[in-house]
C-alpha cells in the first residue's frame, strides 16, 4: 500500500499577487497619511475588516467599486457610482 502526495504549491502561486497588491496599497495608504483599518482593501479579504460600529460589506462588487473609488480619490479623479457610469459625490463614498 502506498500513499503518494504531490505538493505543487499552486495555492501560494495564486496568493502571491494578492499579497503584493496588499503591500503596495498599504504603502500607498501610509504615504497618503491614512491610518487605522483600511476598509477599502476589503476586496482582498474573505472577512472584511471594518472600524468600530461599521457593518462589514460582503458584496464583492461593492467592495471592488469602493477600492476603485478610493484609488480615484487619491489620484484626484471623479468618483464612480456602483454602475461605473455616473459620477457621485465624495459624501456618497461611505454608502458604497
Protein backbone atom coordinates (compact mmCIF):
# COMPACT_ATOMS: atom_id res chain seq x y z
CA UNK A 1 0.00 0.00 0.00
CA UNK A 2 1.32 3.45 -0.95
CA UNK A 3 0.24 7.00 -0.39
CA UNK A 4 1.51 9.47 -2.92
CA UNK A 5 1.33 13.23 -2.28
CA UNK A 6 2.03 15.80 -4.97
CA UNK A 7 2.62 19.09 -3.22
CA UNK A 8 2.95 21.63 -6.01
CA UNK A 9 2.32 24.83 -4.01
CA UNK A 10 -0.20 26.11 -6.54
CA UNK A 11 -2.16 27.98 -3.89
CA UNK A 12 0.87 30.05 -2.95
CA UNK A 13 1.43 30.91 -6.61
CA UNK A 14 -2.14 32.25 -6.76
CA UNK A 15 -1.81 34.16 -3.48
CA UNK A 16 1.46 35.93 -4.31
CA UNK A 17 -0.10 38.69 -6.48
CA UNK A 18 -2.74 39.37 -3.81
CA UNK A 19 -0.11 39.78 -1.11
CA UNK A 20 1.92 42.06 -3.39
CA UNK A 21 -1.18 44.21 -4.07
CA UNK A 22 -1.88 44.48 -0.34
CA UNK A 23 1.71 45.51 0.38
CA UNK A 24 1.65 48.17 -2.35
CA UNK A 25 -1.77 49.52 -1.33
CA UNK A 26 -0.69 49.56 2.33
CA UNK A 27 2.39 51.59 1.38
CA UNK A 28 0.22 53.94 -0.70
CA UNK A 29 -2.16 54.45 2.24
CA UNK A 30 0.74 55.21 4.58
CA UNK A 31 2.23 57.73 2.13
CA UNK A 32 -1.20 59.38 1.77
CA UNK A 33 -1.37 59.83 5.56
CA UNK A 34 -4.08 57.22 6.09
CA UNK A 35 -4.04 55.13 9.26
CA UNK A 36 -6.15 52.55 11.02
CA UNK A 37 -8.38 49.98 9.34
CA UNK A 38 -8.38 50.40 5.56
CA UNK A 39 -11.93 49.30 4.70
CA UNK A 40 -11.31 49.92 1.00
CA UNK A 41 -9.00 46.88 0.97
CA UNK A 42 -11.86 44.54 1.95
CA UNK A 43 -11.90 43.29 -1.64
CA UNK A 44 -8.79 41.22 -0.86
CA UNK A 45 -10.10 39.52 2.29
CA UNK A 46 -12.61 36.75 2.93
CA UNK A 47 -13.73 38.51 6.11
CA UNK A 48 -13.76 42.30 5.54
CA UNK A 49 -12.15 44.38 8.26
CA UNK A 50 -14.04 47.46 9.43
CA UNK A 51 -13.77 50.14 12.04
CA UNK A 52 -15.84 50.09 15.21
CA UNK A 53 -19.63 50.38 14.76
CA UNK A 54 -19.39 49.85 10.99
CA UNK A 55 -21.22 46.99 9.32
CA UNK A 56 -18.89 45.00 7.01
CA UNK A 57 -19.81 44.91 3.33
CA UNK A 58 -19.73 41.38 1.90
CA UNK A 59 -20.84 42.21 -1.65
CA UNK A 60 -17.69 41.76 -3.75
CA UNK A 61 -18.92 44.13 -6.45
CA UNK A 62 -19.47 46.94 -3.95
CA UNK A 63 -16.04 46.21 -2.45
CA UNK A 64 -14.50 46.45 -5.92
CA UNK A 65 -16.20 49.81 -6.58
CA UNK A 66 -15.04 51.01 -3.15
CA UNK A 67 -11.45 50.03 -3.98
CA UNK A 68 -11.58 51.84 -7.31
CA UNK A 69 -13.22 54.93 -5.80
CA UNK A 70 -10.58 55.15 -3.07
CA UNK A 71 -7.80 54.93 -5.65
CA UNK A 72 -9.58 57.53 -7.82
CA UNK A 73 -9.95 59.82 -4.79
CA UNK A 74 -6.22 59.52 -4.01
CA UNK A 75 -5.46 60.46 -7.64
CA UNK A 76 -7.87 63.41 -7.55
CA UNK A 77 -10.22 61.88 -10.13
CA UNK A 78 -14.03 61.89 -10.13
CA UNK A 79 -15.67 59.05 -8.22
CA UNK A 80 -17.84 56.44 -9.92
CA UNK A 81 -21.27 55.14 -8.97
CA UNK A 82 -21.96 51.44 -8.46
CA UNK A 83 -22.81 51.19 -12.15
CA UNK A 84 -19.46 52.70 -13.04
CA UNK A 85 -21.12 55.16 -15.43
CA UNK A 86 -22.11 58.21 -13.39
CA UNK A 87 -20.04 60.41 -11.16
CA UNK A 88 -21.01 60.56 -7.49
CA UNK A 89 -20.34 62.96 -4.64
CA UNK A 90 -17.49 62.27 -2.23
CA UNK A 91 -20.11 62.10 0.56
CA UNK A 92 -21.64 59.02 -1.06
CA UNK A 93 -18.33 57.11 -0.95
CA UNK A 94 -19.18 55.88 2.53
CA UNK A 95 -22.51 54.43 1.30
CA UNK A 96 -20.77 52.15 -1.19
